[in-house]
Structures are given as C-alpha cells and as structure tokens.
Amino acid sequence: MKQPQHIIGSTRIYTGDSHPWAKGQPVLIRAVHRGDPDDGVILTDDLLIGELQPDDIVEFLPHITEPDGTVRPSWVASDARPDELQIPPA
C-alpha cells in the first residue's frame, strides 16, 4: 500500500498570484477543502486526503517572523490551488 503524502502540517512555498504578499514565502498547510463549496468536505488527515487533487483548495497559514527571530504560523488563513504550492528544496 502506498504511503500518503505528508500534506497537513507541511511547509510549502506559495507561487501563485492571488495573494501577492505571500508569493515566494513559506506557508504551513492546515487543511484541504475537497468538493463543492456548499457540500464538500474539509480534510485535515493525510490518510483521508491521499494525494492533492487538481480541484482541491488548500488552506494555508503564512509564516510570521517575530522581532526576536522566532517563526510561527499566522492566525490568518488563506487558500491556494495545489499547483500554487511547491515543496521547498531540501
């Protein structure tokens, strides 16, 4: 059996144009919205997600760097298509 992708809690680089402030920035994946906005599901378990689908909407939190250099996820969420989120180089 194929292992699920590590999606929830992973860091990706936002490459889209809908959120210019986030372009090129690391973001934390919080949830995947799958299906119609009116009757779809919000997934937060990699086993249920399996792999990202082209029509999924990925909910993300931008990283915030505090004045002391500490990095934390923002409290404000945004969304992106899977093709707008790249796995950062190792």
C-alpha atoms as a PDB file:
ATOM      1  CA  MET A   1       0.000   0.000   0.000  1.00  0.00           C
ATOM      2  CA  LYS A   2       1.306   3.426  -0.970  1.00  0.00           C
ATOM      3  CA  GLN A   3       2.080   5.802   1.898  1.00  0.00           C
ATOM      4  CA  PRO A   4       0.036   9.029   1.887  1.00  0.00           C
ATOM      5  CA  GLN A   5       1.792  12.289   1.085  1.00  0.00           C
ATOM      6  CA  HIS A   6       2.732  14.400   4.094  1.00  0.00           C
ATOM      7  CA  ILE A   7       0.452  17.384   3.464  1.00  0.00           C
ATOM      8  CA  ILE A   8      -1.121  18.615   6.715  1.00  0.00           C
ATOM      9  CA  GLY A   9       1.486  20.472   8.755  1.00  0.00           C
ATOM     10  CA  SER A  10       3.966  20.569   5.882  1.00  0.00           C
ATOM     11  CA  THR A  11       5.664  23.723   4.675  1.00  0.00           C
ATOM     12  CA  ARG A  12       5.321  24.704   1.009  1.00  0.00           C
ATOM     13  CA  ILE A  13       6.360  27.760  -0.971  1.00  0.00           C
ATOM     14  CA  TYR A  14       3.453  29.814  -2.317  1.00  0.00           C
ATOM     15  CA  THR A  15       3.974  30.561  -6.032  1.00  0.00           C
ATOM     16  CA  GLY A  16       0.532  31.848  -7.034  1.00  0.00           C
ATOM     17  CA  ASP A  17      -0.653  35.327  -7.988  1.00  0.00           C
ATOM     18  CA  SER A  18      -3.883  35.602  -5.972  1.00  0.00           C
ATOM     19  CA  HIS A  19      -2.004  36.573  -2.804  1.00  0.00           C
ATOM     20  CA  PRO A  20       0.937  38.769  -3.952  1.00  0.00           C
ATOM     21  CA  TRP A  21       2.050  39.318  -0.348  1.00  0.00           C
ATOM     22  CA  ALA A  22       2.682  35.555   0.024  1.00  0.00           C
ATOM     23  CA  LYS A  23       4.449  34.905  -3.292  1.00  0.00           C
ATOM     24  CA  GLY A  24       7.758  33.153  -2.716  1.00  0.00           C
ATOM     25  CA  GLN A  25       7.078  32.808   1.010  1.00  0.00           C
ATOM     26  CA  PRO A  26       6.909  29.608   3.086  1.00  0.00           C
ATOM     27  CA  VAL A  27       3.411  28.663   4.216  1.00  0.00           C
ATOM     28  CA  LEU A  28       2.053  25.969   6.535  1.00  0.00           C
ATOM     29  CA  ILE A  29      -0.667  23.673   5.155  1.00  0.00           C
ATOM     30  CA  ARG A  30      -3.619  23.476   7.562  1.00  0.00           C
ATOM     31  CA  ALA A  31      -6.459  21.791   5.611  1.00  0.00           C
ATOM     32  CA  VAL A  32      -7.670  20.632   2.219  1.00  0.00           C
ATOM     33  CA  HIS A  33     -11.142  21.596   1.008  1.00  0.00           C
ATOM     34  CA  ARG A  34     -12.450  18.978  -1.414  1.00  0.00           C
ATOM     35  CA  GLY A  35     -15.640  19.103  -3.432  1.00  0.00           C
ATOM     36  CA  ASP A  36     -18.296  21.739  -3.961  1.00  0.00           C
ATOM     37  CA  PRO A  37     -18.084  24.678  -1.510  1.00  0.00           C
ATOM     38  CA  ASP A  38     -21.691  24.032  -0.450  1.00  0.00           C
ATOM     39  CA  ASP A  39     -21.446  20.303   0.264  1.00  0.00           C
ATOM     40  CA  GLY A  40     -17.753  19.428   0.107  1.00  0.00           C
ATOM     41  CA  VAL A  41     -15.543  18.316   2.973  1.00  0.00           C
ATOM     42  CA  ILE A  42     -12.661  19.868   4.888  1.00  0.00           C
ATOM     43  CA  LEU A  43      -9.890  17.318   5.342  1.00  0.00           C
ATOM     44  CA  THR A  44      -7.173  17.544   7.993  1.00  0.00           C
ATOM     45  CA  ASP A  45      -5.875  13.952   7.901  1.00  0.00           C
ATOM     46  CA  ASP A  46      -3.281  12.863   5.336  1.00  0.00           C
ATOM     47  CA  LEU A  47      -4.807   9.366   5.229  1.00  0.00           C
ATOM     48  CA  LEU A  48      -8.150  10.806   4.106  1.00  0.00           C
ATOM     49  CA  ILE A  49      -6.529  13.227   1.652  1.00  0.00           C
ATOM     50  CA  GLY A  50      -4.308  10.658  -0.024  1.00  0.00           C
ATOM     51  CA  GLU A  51      -2.936  12.950  -2.722  1.00  0.00           C
ATOM     52  CA  LEU A  52      -3.851  16.502  -3.627  1.00  0.00           C
ATOM     53  CA  GLN A  53      -6.344  16.699  -6.480  1.00  0.00           C
ATOM     54  CA  PRO A  54      -6.298  19.491  -9.098  1.00  0.00           C
ATOM     55  CA  ASP A  55      -9.679  20.820  -7.902  1.00  0.00           C
ATOM     56  CA  ASP A  56      -8.753  20.855  -4.198  1.00  0.00           C
ATOM     57  CA  ILE A  57      -8.421  24.148  -2.363  1.00  0.00           C
ATOM     58  CA  VAL A  58      -5.531  24.134   0.094  1.00  0.00           C
ATOM     59  CA  GLU A  59      -5.880  26.234   3.242  1.00  0.00           C
ATOM     60  CA  PHE A  60      -2.559  27.686   4.384  1.00  0.00           C
ATOM     61  CA  LEU A  61      -1.092  29.868   7.110  1.00  0.00           C
ATOM     62  CA  PRO A  62       1.779  32.189   6.228  1.00  0.00           C
ATOM     63  CA  HIS A  63       4.873  32.094   8.416  1.00  0.00           C
ATOM     64  CA  ILE A  64       5.354  35.144  10.632  1.00  0.00           C
ATOM     65  CA  THR A  65       8.807  36.129  11.873  1.00  0.00           C
ATOM     66  CA  GLU A  66       8.636  37.824  15.268  1.00  0.00           C
ATOM     67  CA  PRO A  67      11.042  40.676  16.194  1.00  0.00           C
ATOM     68  CA  ASP A  68      13.155  38.205  18.197  1.00  0.00           C
ATOM     69  CA  GLY A  69      13.543  35.971  15.120  1.00  0.00           C
ATOM     70  CA  THR A  70      11.055  33.329  16.250  1.00  0.00           C
ATOM     71  CA  VAL A  71       8.985  31.944  13.354  1.00  0.00           C
ATOM     72  CA  ARG A  72       5.374  30.926  13.899  1.00  0.00           C
ATOM     73  CA  PRO A  73       2.310  30.318  11.726  1.00  0.00           C
ATOM     74  CA  SER A  74      -0.042  33.268  11.353  1.00  0.00           C
ATOM     75  CA  TRP A  75      -3.539  33.108  12.824  1.00  0.00           C
ATOM     76  CA  VAL A  76      -4.948  34.248   9.470  1.00  0.00           C
ATOM     77  CA  ALA A  77      -5.594  31.582   6.825  1.00  0.00           C
ATOM     78  CA  SER A  78      -5.565  31.937   3.048  1.00  0.00           C
ATOM     79  CA  ASP A  79      -6.197  29.478   0.232  1.00  0.00           C
ATOM     80  CA  ALA A  80      -4.473  28.246  -2.904  1.00  0.00           C
ATOM     81  CA  ARG A  81      -4.748  25.667  -5.645  1.00  0.00           C
ATOM     82  CA  PRO A  82      -2.367  22.713  -5.280  1.00  0.00           C
ATOM     83  CA  ASP A  83      -0.318  23.869  -8.284  1.00  0.00           C
ATOM     84  CA  GLU A  84       0.422  27.159  -6.453  1.00  0.00           C
ATOM     85  CA  LEU A  85       2.247  25.376  -3.627  1.00  0.00           C
ATOM     86  CA  GLN A  86       5.697  23.943  -4.207  1.00  0.00           C
ATOM     87  CA  ILE A  87       7.658  21.651  -1.919  1.00  0.00           C
ATOM     88  CA  PRO A  88      10.736  23.602  -0.823  1.00  0.00           C
ATOM     89  CA  PRO A  89      14.156  22.264  -1.821  1.00  0.00           C
ATOM     90  CA  ALA A  90      15.770  20.075   0.817  1.00  0.00           C
END
